[in-house]
Structures are given as structure tokens and as C-alpha cells.
Amino acid sequence: MRDKAEELPTLDKTAAEPLLRRLELTVRNKLDGLLQGNYVGLVPGPGSEAGESRQYFPGDDVRRMDWPVTARTMVPHVRQTVADRELETWAVVDLSPSLDFGTARTEKRELALAALTAVVYLTVRGGNRVGAIVGTGAQTQRVPARGGNAHARYLMDTVAAVPRADEGQRGDLAFMLEQLRRPPRRRGLVAIVSDFLGDADWERPLRALSERHQLLAIEVVDPRELELPAAGLMTFVDPESGNQLEVQTSNGELRRRYADAAARQRAQIATMLRHAGAAHLHLRTDRDWLTDIVKFVIARRKTLAGAAVVR
């Protein structure tokens, strides 16, 4: 919900450039490889990408038998595999109207861009490719996956320049996730940047993506979405429906019920992400997001589970 009495400036791309450069210089060594940026192969072993067939020899893994070629030639063949020397990362960036909100250090939209920047900088090195699907509810834009620093800068500029959707426009995270499922992409990392509010129909396509990709869910939250301040009579607007509601925030019982409902909502989101097998990074507009990213990566390394939640 947006406080009508509060107006925050839009992202200043000129001011954001030093921030992005500082991010790269400060954390690239600390986080090197921890978000799969320098991994040689996503699956331990000889590789996961299908290669050419060759004749079977005693001692070959029979699980790699190429039955179509064997049937056609009447000679046993096995399918060779190629190690994934390069990582393909796709970022799904939700910039729906609920992200155009913030009451602390920054808007959620700016925080989403910061999170995307971290993912891009940490995965584009070493010939790795990165692409993005960004949607506002009113439009969905796709940036092809390519390598190189020039492409990384182009991707960031493209996402930062996406215009805000009109108030009353609902986001569609499930639709954006489906864009990565059909046609199937090369195995890699999928990072979803969103507040995960609105319809919960994104869980099914997210689970389907986990069968082929590693998932990183970056949840962006503003503190006013978790609890209300005692600020008297306030008017709130739902940016994705346009509905307005006057609330007497001096009512302690109302604030308690609001906080309980918000806690249940966030717990449900965390459960859905966990069931989908996604690592869960929690970023707030009232905290140092860079510190939270570092804590997340350290926790991820310690647990060796790929589903760490930093709060």
C-alpha cells in the first residue's frame, strides 16, 4: 500500500553508476563464485549438455546409451556429454506497480535494480552469459542472454529505463516465469527479483523451472508492508488495483492485526519458495542491502544447501 502523503524520486541513473561500480569493486572478491559465477559445470561429473554419439566400448556407462542411433545403425552407441564451461543466467525482474513504493532508504524498485546488478556482476565474468525478462504488468521485455561487460551494462540500462506502469495495473510474475520454460533454456541459474505480492499462481511455474535450473529468489520488502506506524489517520492506495483505504493507525489492535497478517503472508511466501527449491535472499529498503547479500552468501556456503534465508 502506498502512503499518498509521500512522494519519492525516481531512480537517478547518473547517481546509480558510482554505486554500481562500488558494488563491483567491493564485493566481487568476497562473493567470487558463490553465486555460481565461476563454476565449471552445474552438475558434478562429466557434464550435463548432450554432445555427439560414439560407438560403445566395454566399460562405458550404459545409462548413456543412445538408443535411437543404436537402433538405426544396429551398433551400440553412447551419447557423450559436454561439461558446462559457461553459465547461463536469466534474471526475472518484477517491476509491477507494487515495486514503485518505499518509505525508508529507497524504493523497492531501486532495491530490485541493486539486487539485479549484484547478480549480473557476479555471473557475467569468465564468458558467462546473462539475460533478463522484465515486466511491469503493462508490458514484458526480454533481453537476450549474452556475455561481456558491454552487454551487462546494456542490460542494466535497459532494465533501469523500463517505464513505470500506470496505477491499477496488476503484475504477472507467473507469465514471466513461463517465458523461461517455453522453449526450455540451457541449464543454468534463474534469479527472480520480486516482492512476490499479489496472485500466488507463480509457484507452479517456479517449481517447473527448478527441475532444470538452480533458483535464487530475491524478495524485496518495505518495513511499512510488515507493520504500520502510529501516525493517525492515513490514506493508503493499492497500486495494483487503485483501491483507496483510510486507516486510523493510532489503533493499536489494528496495527497488531496488520502485523500478524503480514507475518503470515511472508511466511507463506517463504514456504512456497522453499517447496520450489529456491534459495531465498530477503532484502529490505531500511537495511544495507550489500551487507545482506554478503551475509546471505556466507550462510549459503556454510549450509551447503542452496536454500538459505537471511533475515
C-alpha atoms as a PDB file:
ATOM      1  CA  MET A   1       0.000   0.000   0.000  1.00  0.00           C
ATOM      2  CA  ARG A   2       1.276   3.494  -0.843  1.00  0.00           C
ATOM      3  CA  ASP A   3       1.037   6.433   1.542  1.00  0.00           C
ATOM      4  CA  LYS A   4      -0.456   9.240  -0.559  1.00  0.00           C
ATOM      5  CA  ALA A   5       1.274  11.895   1.526  1.00  0.00           C
ATOM      6  CA  GLU A   6       4.683  10.620   0.491  1.00  0.00           C
ATOM      7  CA  GLU A   7       6.389  11.036  -2.884  1.00  0.00           C
ATOM      8  CA  LEU A   8       9.782   9.506  -3.610  1.00  0.00           C
ATOM      9  CA  PRO A   9      12.010  10.467  -6.555  1.00  0.00           C
ATOM     10  CA  THR A  10      12.537   8.072  -9.413  1.00  0.00           C
ATOM     11  CA  LEU A  11      15.890   6.363  -9.911  1.00  0.00           C
ATOM     12  CA  ASP A  12      18.676   8.726 -10.921  1.00  0.00           C
ATOM     13  CA  LYS A  13      20.789   6.659 -13.336  1.00  0.00           C
ATOM     14  CA  THR A  14      23.661   9.133 -13.126  1.00  0.00           C
ATOM     15  CA  ALA A  15      23.811   8.727  -9.360  1.00  0.00           C
ATOM     16  CA  ALA A  16      23.393   4.962  -9.657  1.00  0.00           C
ATOM     17  CA  GLU A  17      26.522   4.480 -11.804  1.00  0.00           C
ATOM     18  CA  PRO A  18      29.039   5.126  -8.973  1.00  0.00           C
ATOM     19  CA  LEU A  19      27.012   2.796  -6.764  1.00  0.00           C
ATOM     20  CA  LEU A  20      27.181   0.007  -9.332  1.00  0.00           C
ATOM     21  CA  ARG A  21      30.936   0.458  -9.770  1.00  0.00           C
ATOM     22  CA  ARG A  22      31.465   0.469  -5.999  1.00  0.00           C
ATOM     23  CA  LEU A  23      29.453  -2.728  -5.720  1.00  0.00           C
ATOM     24  CA  GLU A  24      31.631  -4.455  -8.301  1.00  0.00           C
ATOM     25  CA  LEU A  25      34.912  -3.369  -6.703  1.00  0.00           C
ATOM     26  CA  THR A  26      33.855  -4.010  -3.098  1.00  0.00           C
ATOM     27  CA  VAL A  27      32.241  -7.430  -3.215  1.00  0.00           C
ATOM     28  CA  ARG A  28      33.413  -9.231  -6.350  1.00  0.00           C
ATOM     29  CA  ASN A  29      36.308 -10.878  -4.482  1.00  0.00           C
ATOM     30  CA  LYS A  30      34.182 -11.722  -1.434  1.00  0.00           C
ATOM     31  CA  LEU A  31      31.407 -13.257  -3.499  1.00  0.00           C
ATOM     32  CA  ASP A  32      33.546 -14.696  -6.300  1.00  0.00           C
ATOM     33  CA  GLY A  33      31.962 -17.940  -7.448  1.00  0.00           C
ATOM     34  CA  LEU A  34      29.498 -18.192  -4.556  1.00  0.00           C
ATOM     35  CA  LEU A  35      26.540 -17.424  -6.800  1.00  0.00           C
ATOM     36  CA  GLN A  36      27.734 -19.919  -9.425  1.00  0.00           C
ATOM     37  CA  GLY A  37      29.698 -17.276 -11.322  1.00  0.00           C
ATOM     38  CA  ASN A  38      32.877 -19.315 -11.798  1.00  0.00           C
ATOM     39  CA  TYR A  39      31.581 -22.872 -11.515  1.00  0.00           C
ATOM     40  CA  VAL A  40      32.840 -25.347 -14.111  1.00  0.00           C
ATOM     41  CA  GLY A  41      29.703 -27.356 -14.682  1.00  0.00           C
ATOM     42  CA  LEU A  42      26.453 -27.101 -12.758  1.00  0.00           C
ATOM     43  CA  VAL A  43      26.254 -30.855 -12.246  1.00  0.00           C
ATOM     44  CA  PRO A  44      29.226 -32.797 -10.823  1.00  0.00           C
ATOM     45  CA  GLY A  45      30.647 -35.303 -13.262  1.00  0.00           C
ATOM     46  CA  PRO A  46      31.487 -35.291 -16.951  1.00  0.00           C
ATOM     47  CA  GLY A  47      28.820 -32.762 -17.851  1.00  0.00           C
ATOM     48  CA  SER A  48      25.116 -32.306 -18.447  1.00  0.00           C
ATOM     49  CA  GLU A  49      24.819 -30.988 -22.002  1.00  0.00           C
ATOM     50  CA  ALA A  50      24.285 -33.590 -24.712  1.00  0.00           C
ATOM     51  CA  GLY A  51      27.126 -33.984 -27.183  1.00  0.00           C
ATOM     52  CA  GLU A  52      27.833 -36.295 -30.122  1.00  0.00           C
ATOM     53  CA  SER A  53      27.356 -40.058 -30.183  1.00  0.00           C
ATOM     54  CA  ARG A  54      30.196 -42.568 -30.497  1.00  0.00           C
ATOM     55  CA  GLN A  55      30.463 -46.331 -30.595  1.00  0.00           C
ATOM     56  CA  TYR A  56      30.055 -48.167 -27.312  1.00  0.00           C
ATOM     57  CA  PHE A  57      33.138 -49.737 -25.703  1.00  0.00           C
ATOM     58  CA  PRO A  58      33.216 -52.095 -22.701  1.00  0.00           C
ATOM     59  CA  GLY A  59      33.296 -50.050 -19.525  1.00  0.00           C
ATOM     60  CA  ASP A  60      31.123 -47.195 -20.831  1.00  0.00           C
ATOM     61  CA  ASP A  61      28.194 -46.111 -18.679  1.00  0.00           C
ATOM     62  CA  VAL A  62      25.183 -47.980 -20.053  1.00  0.00           C
ATOM     63  CA  ARG A  63      22.940 -45.205 -18.754  1.00  0.00           C
ATOM     64  CA  ARG A  64      24.274 -43.036 -21.588  1.00  0.00           C
ATOM     65  CA  MET A  65      23.265 -45.430 -24.326  1.00  0.00           C
ATOM     66  CA  ASP A  66      21.991 -43.592 -27.402  1.00  0.00           C
ATOM     67  CA  TRP A  67      19.152 -45.932 -28.318  1.00  0.00           C
ATOM     68  CA  PRO A  68      17.924 -44.098 -31.455  1.00  0.00           C
ATOM     69  CA  VAL A  69      21.403 -44.224 -33.041  1.00  0.00           C
ATOM     70  CA  THR A  70      21.887 -47.818 -31.856  1.00  0.00           C
ATOM     71  CA  ALA A  71      18.611 -48.862 -33.470  1.00  0.00           C
ATOM     72  CA  ARG A  72      19.422 -47.052 -36.712  1.00  0.00           C
ATOM     73  CA  THR A  73      22.959 -48.428 -37.088  1.00  0.00           C
ATOM     74  CA  MET A  74      22.498 -51.777 -35.309  1.00  0.00           C
ATOM     75  CA  VAL A  75      25.776 -50.958 -33.492  1.00  0.00           C
ATOM     76  CA  PRO A  76      25.748 -49.933 -29.799  1.00  0.00           C
ATOM     77  CA  HIS A  77      26.394 -46.189 -29.351  1.00  0.00           C
ATOM     78  CA  VAL A  78      26.636 -43.948 -26.306  1.00  0.00           C
ATOM     79  CA  ARG A  79      25.867 -40.262 -26.072  1.00  0.00           C
ATOM     80  CA  GLN A  80      28.815 -38.133 -24.960  1.00  0.00           C
ATOM     81  CA  THR A  81      28.235 -35.214 -22.637  1.00  0.00           C
ATOM     82  CA  VAL A  82      29.860 -31.812 -22.616  1.00  0.00           C
ATOM     83  CA  ALA A  83      30.801 -30.050 -19.394  1.00  0.00           C
ATOM     84  CA  ASP A  84      29.080 -26.712 -18.819  1.00  0.00           C
ATOM     85  CA  ARG A  85      32.090 -24.432 -19.068  1.00  0.00           C
ATOM     86  CA  GLU A  86      29.903 -21.370 -19.179  1.00  0.00           C
ATOM     87  CA  LEU A  87      26.964 -20.423 -17.001  1.00  0.00           C
ATOM     88  CA  GLU A  88      23.789 -19.001 -18.494  1.00  0.00           C
ATOM     89  CA  THR A  89      21.947 -16.814 -16.017  1.00  0.00           C
ATOM     90  CA  TRP A  90      18.456 -15.466 -16.510  1.00  0.00           C
ATOM     91  CA  ALA A  91      17.031 -12.730 -14.300  1.00  0.00           C
ATOM     92  CA  VAL A  92      13.274 -12.378 -13.964  1.00  0.00           C
ATOM     93  CA  VAL A  93      12.695  -8.816 -12.758  1.00  0.00           C
ATOM     94  CA  ASP A  94       9.272  -7.850 -11.446  1.00  0.00           C
ATOM     95  CA  LEU A  95       8.747  -4.079 -11.762  1.00  0.00           C
ATOM     96  CA  SER A  96       4.986  -4.101 -11.270  1.00  0.00           C
ATOM     97  CA  PRO A  97       3.382  -1.082  -9.533  1.00  0.00           C
ATOM     98  CA  SER A  98       3.745  -2.652  -6.082  1.00  0.00           C
ATOM     99  CA  LEU A  99       7.525  -2.138  -6.501  1.00  0.00           C
ATOM    100  CA  ASP A 100       7.044   1.624  -7.024  1.00  0.00           C
ATOM    101  CA  PHE A 101       6.893   2.130  -3.277  1.00  0.00           C
ATOM    102  CA  GLY A 102       9.287   2.841  -0.446  1.00  0.00           C
ATOM    103  CA  THR A 103       9.283   4.558   2.936  1.00  0.00           C
ATOM    104  CA  ALA A 104      12.891   4.089   4.088  1.00  0.00           C
ATOM    105  CA  ARG A 105      16.258   4.477   2.342  1.00  0.00           C
ATOM    106  CA  THR A 106      14.991   3.732  -1.138  1.00  0.00           C
ATOM    107  CA  GLU A 107      12.094   2.498  -3.243  1.00  0.00           C
ATOM    108  CA  LYS A 108      11.620  -1.220  -3.717  1.00  0.00           C
ATOM    109  CA  ARG A 109      12.146  -0.636  -7.447  1.00  0.00           C
ATOM    110  CA  GLU A 110      15.629   0.749  -6.807  1.00  0.00           C
ATOM    111  CA  LEU A 111      16.385  -2.116  -4.439  1.00  0.00           C
ATOM    112  CA  ALA A 112      15.338  -4.583  -7.140  1.00  0.00           C
ATOM    113  CA  LEU A 113      17.754  -2.913  -9.553  1.00  0.00           C
ATOM    114  CA  ALA A 114      20.555  -3.120  -6.968  1.00  0.00           C
ATOM    115  CA  ALA A 115      19.895  -6.834  -6.477  1.00  0.00           C
ATOM    116  CA  LEU A 116      19.892  -7.384 -10.236  1.00  0.00           C
ATOM    117  CA  THR A 117      23.204  -5.526 -10.506  1.00  0.00           C
ATOM    118  CA  ALA A 118      24.791  -7.872  -7.964  1.00  0.00           C
ATOM    119  CA  VAL A 119      23.605 -10.937  -9.871  1.00  0.00           C
ATOM    120  CA  VAL A 120      24.802  -9.551 -13.213  1.00  0.00           C
ATOM    121  CA  TYR A 121      28.259  -8.559 -11.962  1.00  0.00           C
ATOM    122  CA  LEU A 122      28.731 -11.892 -10.212  1.00  0.00           C
ATOM    123  CA  THR A 123      27.777 -14.038 -13.189  1.00  0.00           C
ATOM    124  CA  VAL A 124      28.944 -12.218 -16.318  1.00  0.00           C
ATOM    125  CA  ARG A 125      32.658 -12.900 -15.882  1.00  0.00           C
ATOM    126  CA  GLY A 126      34.551 -15.759 -17.492  1.00  0.00           C
ATOM    127  CA  GLY A 127      32.455 -15.812 -20.650  1.00  0.00           C
ATOM    128  CA  ASN A 128      29.216 -16.422 -18.772  1.00  0.00           C
ATOM    129  CA  ARG A 129      26.026 -15.174 -20.390  1.00  0.00           C
ATOM    130  CA  VAL A 130      23.239 -13.229 -18.721  1.00  0.00           C
ATOM    131  CA  GLY A 131      19.787 -12.282 -19.952  1.00  0.00           C
ATOM    132  CA  ALA A 132      16.675 -10.811 -18.413  1.00  0.00           C
ATOM    133  CA  ILE A 133      12.916 -10.842 -18.609  1.00  0.00           C
ATOM    134  CA  VAL A 134      11.435  -7.714 -17.060  1.00  0.00           C
ATOM    135  CA  GLY A 135       7.751  -6.979 -16.680  1.00  0.00           C
ATOM    136  CA  THR A 136       5.567  -4.242 -15.250  1.00  0.00           C
ATOM    137  CA  GLY A 137       2.195  -5.849 -15.798  1.00  0.00           C
ATOM    138  CA  ALA A 138       1.582  -3.480 -18.683  1.00  0.00           C
ATOM    139  CA  GLN A 139       4.491  -4.813 -20.740  1.00  0.00           C
ATOM    140  CA  THR A 140       7.090  -7.583 -20.718  1.00  0.00           C
ATOM    141  CA  GLN A 141      10.542  -7.064 -22.223  1.00  0.00           C
ATOM    142  CA  ARG A 142      13.215  -9.679 -22.960  1.00  0.00           C
ATOM    143  CA  VAL A 143      16.955  -9.020 -23.105  1.00  0.00           C
ATOM    144  CA  PRO A 144      18.761 -11.967 -24.804  1.00  0.00           C
ATOM    145  CA  ALA A 145      21.431 -13.838 -22.845  1.00  0.00           C
ATOM    146  CA  ARG A 146      24.886 -12.769 -23.977  1.00  0.00           C
ATOM    147  CA  GLY A 147      28.331 -12.410 -22.465  1.00  0.00           C
ATOM    148  CA  GLY A 148      30.647  -9.494 -21.905  1.00  0.00           C
ATOM    149  CA  ASN A 149      30.722  -6.358 -19.800  1.00  0.00           C
ATOM    150  CA  ALA A 150      29.235  -4.252 -22.581  1.00  0.00           C
ATOM    151  CA  HIS A 151      26.161  -6.465 -22.671  1.00  0.00           C
ATOM    152  CA  ALA A 152      25.924  -6.370 -18.865  1.00  0.00           C
ATOM    153  CA  ARG A 153      25.848  -2.562 -18.945  1.00  0.00           C
ATOM    154  CA  TYR A 154      23.282  -2.630 -21.753  1.00  0.00           C
ATOM    155  CA  LEU A 155      21.093  -4.999 -19.737  1.00  0.00           C
ATOM    156  CA  MET A 156      21.245  -2.806 -16.641  1.00  0.00           C
ATOM    157  CA  ASP A 157      20.485   0.343 -18.630  1.00  0.00           C
ATOM    158  CA  THR A 158      17.552  -1.397 -20.304  1.00  0.00           C
ATOM    159  CA  VAL A 159      16.022  -2.522 -17.022  1.00  0.00           C
ATOM    160  CA  ALA A 160      16.576   0.879 -15.366  1.00  0.00           C
ATOM    161  CA  ALA A 161      14.836   2.606 -18.293  1.00  0.00           C
ATOM    162  CA  VAL A 162      11.664   0.484 -18.138  1.00  0.00           C
ATOM    163  CA  PRO A 163       8.798   2.965 -17.593  1.00  0.00           C
ATOM    164  CA  ARG A 164       6.547   2.630 -14.595  1.00  0.00           C
ATOM    165  CA  ALA A 165       3.168   1.050 -15.225  1.00  0.00           C
ATOM    166  CA  ASP A 166       0.010   3.043 -14.634  1.00  0.00           C
ATOM    167  CA  GLU A 167      -1.631   2.681 -11.253  1.00  0.00           C
ATOM    168  CA  GLY A 168      -4.201  -0.097 -11.248  1.00  0.00           C
ATOM    169  CA  GLN A 169      -2.120  -2.411 -13.449  1.00  0.00           C
ATOM    170  CA  ARG A 170      -1.508  -5.852 -11.924  1.00  0.00           C
ATOM    171  CA  GLY A 171       1.791  -7.622 -12.319  1.00  0.00           C
ATOM    172  CA  ASP A 172       2.049 -11.150 -13.734  1.00  0.00           C
ATOM    173  CA  LEU A 173       5.077 -12.952 -12.313  1.00  0.00           C
ATOM    174  CA  ALA A 174       3.737 -16.349 -13.414  1.00  0.00           C
ATOM    175  CA  PHE A 175       3.672 -15.210 -17.051  1.00  0.00           C
ATOM    176  CA  MET A 176       7.292 -14.047 -16.888  1.00  0.00           C
ATOM    177  CA  LEU A 177       8.403 -17.365 -15.393  1.00  0.00           C
ATOM    178  CA  GLU A 178       6.598 -19.205 -18.165  1.00  0.00           C
ATOM    179  CA  GLN A 179       8.703 -17.293 -20.704  1.00  0.00           C
ATOM    180  CA  LEU A 180      11.731 -19.213 -19.415  1.00  0.00           C
ATOM    181  CA  ARG A 181      10.012 -22.578 -19.572  1.00  0.00           C
ATOM    182  CA  ARG A 182       8.899 -22.454 -23.198  1.00  0.00           C
ATOM    183  CA  PRO A 183      11.077 -23.037 -25.050  1.00  0.00           C
ATOM    184  CA  PRO A 184      13.378 -24.727 -22.489  1.00  0.00           C
ATOM    185  CA  ARG A 185      16.585 -22.809 -21.817  1.00  0.00           C
ATOM    186  CA  ARG A 186      20.040 -24.216 -21.294  1.00  0.00           C
ATOM    187  CA  ARG A 187      20.630 -25.380 -17.722  1.00  0.00           C
ATOM    188  CA  GLY A 188      21.767 -22.508 -15.545  1.00  0.00           C
ATOM    189  CA  LEU A 189      20.807 -20.081 -12.811  1.00  0.00           C
ATOM    190  CA  VAL A 190      17.473 -18.255 -12.683  1.00  0.00           C
ATOM    191  CA  ALA A 191      17.289 -15.268 -10.325  1.00  0.00           C
ATOM    192  CA  ILE A 192      13.805 -13.934  -9.570  1.00  0.00           C
ATOM    193  CA  VAL A 193      13.642 -10.389  -8.193  1.00  0.00           C
ATOM    194  CA  SER A 194      10.191  -9.518  -6.860  1.00  0.00           C
ATOM    195  CA  ASP A 195       8.137  -8.719  -3.779  1.00  0.00           C
ATOM    196  CA  PHE A 196       6.037 -11.834  -4.569  1.00  0.00           C
ATOM    197  CA  LEU A 197       2.833  -9.999  -3.679  1.00  0.00           C
ATOM    198  CA  GLY A 198      -0.468 -10.365  -5.490  1.00  0.00           C
ATOM    199  CA  ASP A 199      -1.622 -13.631  -7.028  1.00  0.00           C
ATOM    200  CA  ALA A 200       0.262 -16.729  -5.842  1.00  0.00           C
ATOM    201  CA  ASP A 201      -0.023 -18.518  -9.198  1.00  0.00           C
ATOM    202  CA  TRP A 202       3.761 -18.230  -9.671  1.00  0.00           C
ATOM    203  CA  GLU A 203       4.534 -21.285  -7.534  1.00  0.00           C
ATOM    204  CA  ARG A 204       3.740 -23.899 -10.198  1.00  0.00           C
ATOM    205  CA  PRO A 205       5.957 -22.451 -12.987  1.00  0.00           C
ATOM    206  CA  LEU A 206       8.686 -21.836 -10.403  1.00  0.00           C
ATOM    207  CA  ARG A 207       8.642 -25.490  -9.375  1.00  0.00           C
ATOM    208  CA  ALA A 208       8.809 -26.497 -13.030  1.00  0.00           C
ATOM    209  CA  LEU A 209      11.878 -24.296 -13.539  1.00  0.00           C
ATOM    210  CA  SER A 210      13.618 -25.940 -10.570  1.00  0.00           C
ATOM    211  CA  GLU A 211      13.694 -29.245 -12.452  1.00  0.00           C
ATOM    212  CA  ARG A 212      16.217 -27.764 -14.898  1.00  0.00           C
ATOM    213  CA  HIS A 213      17.739 -24.704 -13.213  1.00  0.00           C
ATOM    214  CA  GLN A 214      19.126 -23.534  -9.919  1.00  0.00           C
ATOM    215  CA  LEU A 215      16.835 -20.882  -8.461  1.00  0.00           C
ATOM    216  CA  LEU A 216      17.621 -17.741  -6.490  1.00  0.00           C
ATOM    217  CA  ALA A 217      14.592 -15.814  -5.199  1.00  0.00           C
ATOM    218  CA  ILE A 218      15.343 -12.223  -4.138  1.00  0.00           C
ATOM    219  CA  GLU A 219      12.430 -10.842  -2.137  1.00  0.00           C
ATOM    220  CA  VAL A 220      12.308  -7.050  -1.718  1.00  0.00           C
ATOM    221  CA  VAL A 221      10.282  -5.674   1.187  1.00  0.00           C
ATOM    222  CA  ASP A 222       9.490  -2.294   2.700  1.00  0.00           C
ATOM    223  CA  PRO A 223       9.037  -2.086   6.503  1.00  0.00           C
ATOM    224  CA  ARG A 224       5.618  -0.456   6.146  1.00  0.00           C
ATOM    225  CA  GLU A 225       4.430  -3.656   4.465  1.00  0.00           C
ATOM    226  CA  LEU A 226       5.249  -5.502   7.689  1.00  0.00           C
ATOM    227  CA  GLU A 227       3.875  -3.099  10.300  1.00  0.00           C
ATOM    228  CA  LEU A 228       2.075   0.232  10.466  1.00  0.00           C
ATOM    229  CA  PRO A 229       3.364   3.294  12.313  1.00  0.00           C
ATOM    230  CA  ALA A 230       1.169   5.086  14.850  1.00  0.00           C
ATOM    231  CA  ALA A 231       0.696   8.139  12.625  1.00  0.00           C
ATOM    232  CA  GLY A 232      -3.005   8.914  12.992  1.00  0.00           C
ATOM    233  CA  LEU A 233      -5.437   8.889  10.065  1.00  0.00           C
ATOM    234  CA  MET A 234      -3.714   7.870   6.826  1.00  0.00           C
ATOM    235  CA  THR A 235      -4.940   7.117   3.305  1.00  0.00           C
ATOM    236  CA  PHE A 236      -3.404   4.122   1.554  1.00  0.00           C
ATOM    237  CA  VAL A 237      -3.638   3.175  -2.119  1.00  0.00           C
ATOM    238  CA  ASP A 238      -3.228  -0.319  -3.562  1.00  0.00           C
ATOM    239  CA  PRO A 239      -1.027   0.422  -6.611  1.00  0.00           C
ATOM    240  CA  GLU A 240      -2.153  -2.710  -8.479  1.00  0.00           C
ATOM    241  CA  SER A 241      -5.895  -2.153  -8.084  1.00  0.00           C
ATOM    242  CA  GLY A 242      -6.197   1.571  -7.426  1.00  0.00           C
ATOM    243  CA  ASN A 243      -8.363   0.971  -4.339  1.00  0.00           C
ATOM    244  CA  GLN A 244      -8.024   3.509  -1.526  1.00  0.00           C
ATOM    245  CA  LEU A 245      -8.500   2.935   2.184  1.00  0.00           C
ATOM    246  CA  GLU A 246      -8.439   5.342   5.126  1.00  0.00           C
ATOM    247  CA  VAL A 247      -6.878   3.811   8.211  1.00  0.00           C
ATOM    248  CA  GLN A 248      -6.668   5.124  11.775  1.00  0.00           C
ATOM    249  CA  THR A 249      -3.163   3.910  12.564  1.00  0.00           C
ATOM    250  CA  SER A 250      -3.373   5.077  16.180  1.00  0.00           C
ATOM    251  CA  ASN A 251      -5.472   1.973  16.852  1.00  0.00           C
ATOM    252  CA  GLY A 252      -3.058  -0.471  18.494  1.00  0.00           C
ATOM    253  CA  GLU A 253      -5.274  -3.509  17.913  1.00  0.00           C
ATOM    254  CA  LEU A 254      -5.486  -2.704  14.192  1.00  0.00           C
ATOM    255  CA  ARG A 255      -1.702  -2.387  13.957  1.00  0.00           C
ATOM    256  CA  ARG A 256      -1.288  -5.728  15.722  1.00  0.00           C
ATOM    257  CA  ARG A 257      -3.705  -7.492  13.348  1.00  0.00           C
ATOM    258  CA  TYR A 258      -1.943  -5.902  10.383  1.00  0.00           C
ATOM    259  CA  ALA A 259       1.464  -7.111  11.590  1.00  0.00           C
ATOM    260  CA  ASP A 260       0.133 -10.636  12.210  1.00  0.00           C
ATOM    261  CA  ALA A 261      -1.431 -10.810   8.738  1.00  0.00           C
ATOM    262  CA  ALA A 262       1.769  -9.513   7.132  1.00  0.00           C
ATOM    263  CA  ALA A 263       3.861 -12.089   9.032  1.00  0.00           C
ATOM    264  CA  ARG A 264       1.579 -14.899   7.851  1.00  0.00           C
ATOM    265  CA  GLN A 265       1.785 -13.654   4.262  1.00  0.00           C
ATOM    266  CA  ARG A 266       5.589 -13.536   4.311  1.00  0.00           C
ATOM    267  CA  ALA A 267       5.772 -16.966   5.951  1.00  0.00           C
ATOM    268  CA  GLN A 268       3.578 -18.375   3.173  1.00  0.00           C
ATOM    269  CA  ILE A 269       5.829 -16.828   0.514  1.00  0.00           C
ATOM    270  CA  ALA A 270       8.910 -18.312   2.204  1.00  0.00           C
ATOM    271  CA  THR A 271       7.252 -21.739   2.328  1.00  0.00           C
ATOM    272  CA  MET A 272       6.329 -21.616  -1.364  1.00  0.00           C
ATOM    273  CA  LEU A 273       9.876 -20.636  -2.314  1.00  0.00           C
ATOM    274  CA  ARG A 274      11.317 -23.411  -0.150  1.00  0.00           C
ATOM    275  CA  HIS A 275       8.997 -26.004  -1.710  1.00  0.00           C
ATOM    276  CA  ALA A 276      10.146 -24.844  -5.151  1.00  0.00           C
ATOM    277  CA  GLY A 277      13.769 -25.430  -4.122  1.00  0.00           C
ATOM    278  CA  ALA A 278      14.780 -21.783  -4.406  1.00  0.00           C
ATOM    279  CA  ALA A 279      17.493 -20.115  -2.366  1.00  0.00           C
ATOM    280  CA  HIS A 280      15.838 -17.175  -0.630  1.00  0.00           C
ATOM    281  CA  LEU A 281      17.510 -13.773  -0.226  1.00  0.00           C
ATOM    282  CA  HIS A 282      15.483 -11.261   1.780  1.00  0.00           C
ATOM    283  CA  LEU A 283      16.259  -7.543   1.152  1.00  0.00           C
ATOM    284  CA  ARG A 284      14.627  -4.591   2.913  1.00  0.00           C
ATOM    285  CA  THR A 285      14.536  -0.933   1.969  1.00  0.00           C
ATOM    286  CA  ASP A 286      15.527   0.086   5.520  1.00  0.00           C
ATOM    287  CA  ARG A 287      18.705  -2.015   5.651  1.00  0.00           C
ATOM    288  CA  ASP A 288      22.083  -2.119   3.944  1.00  0.00           C
ATOM    289  CA  TRP A 289      21.326  -4.436   1.020  1.00  0.00           C
ATOM    290  CA  LEU A 290      25.011  -5.016   0.278  1.00  0.00           C
ATOM    291  CA  THR A 291      25.593  -6.324   3.804  1.00  0.00           C
ATOM    292  CA  ASP A 292      22.536  -8.584   3.484  1.00  0.00           C
ATOM    293  CA  ILE A 293      23.894 -10.039   0.236  1.00  0.00           C
ATOM    294  CA  VAL A 294      27.249 -10.780   1.885  1.00  0.00           C
ATOM    295  CA  LYS A 295      25.515 -12.442   4.862  1.00  0.00           C
ATOM    296  CA  PHE A 296      23.370 -14.493   2.517  1.00  0.00           C
ATOM    297  CA  VAL A 297      26.332 -15.817   0.556  1.00  0.00           C
ATOM    298  CA  ILE A 298      28.240 -16.680   3.741  1.00  0.00           C
ATOM    299  CA  ALA A 299      25.209 -18.542   5.102  1.00  0.00           C
ATOM    300  CA  ARG A 300      24.766 -20.301   1.757  1.00  0.00           C
ATOM    301  CA  ARG A 301      28.346 -21.532   1.831  1.00  0.00           C
ATOM    302  CA  LYS A 302      28.033 -22.767   5.439  1.00  0.00           C
ATOM    303  CA  THR A 303      24.800 -24.671   4.935  1.00  0.00           C
ATOM    304  CA  LEU A 304      25.756 -26.098   1.503  1.00  0.00           C
ATOM    305  CA  ALA A 305      22.023 -26.353   0.932  1.00  0.00           C
ATOM    306  CA  GLY A 306      21.128 -23.665  -1.628  1.00  0.00           C
ATOM    307  CA  ALA A 307      18.059 -22.617   0.356  1.00  0.00           C
ATOM    308  CA  ALA A 308      19.410 -20.157   2.895  1.00  0.00           C
ATOM    309  CA  VAL A 309      17.160 -17.388   4.186  1.00  0.00           C
ATOM    310  CA  VAL A 310      18.789 -14.280   5.635  1.00  0.00           C
ATOM    311  CA  ARG A 311      16.566 -12.067   7.757  1.00  0.00           C
END
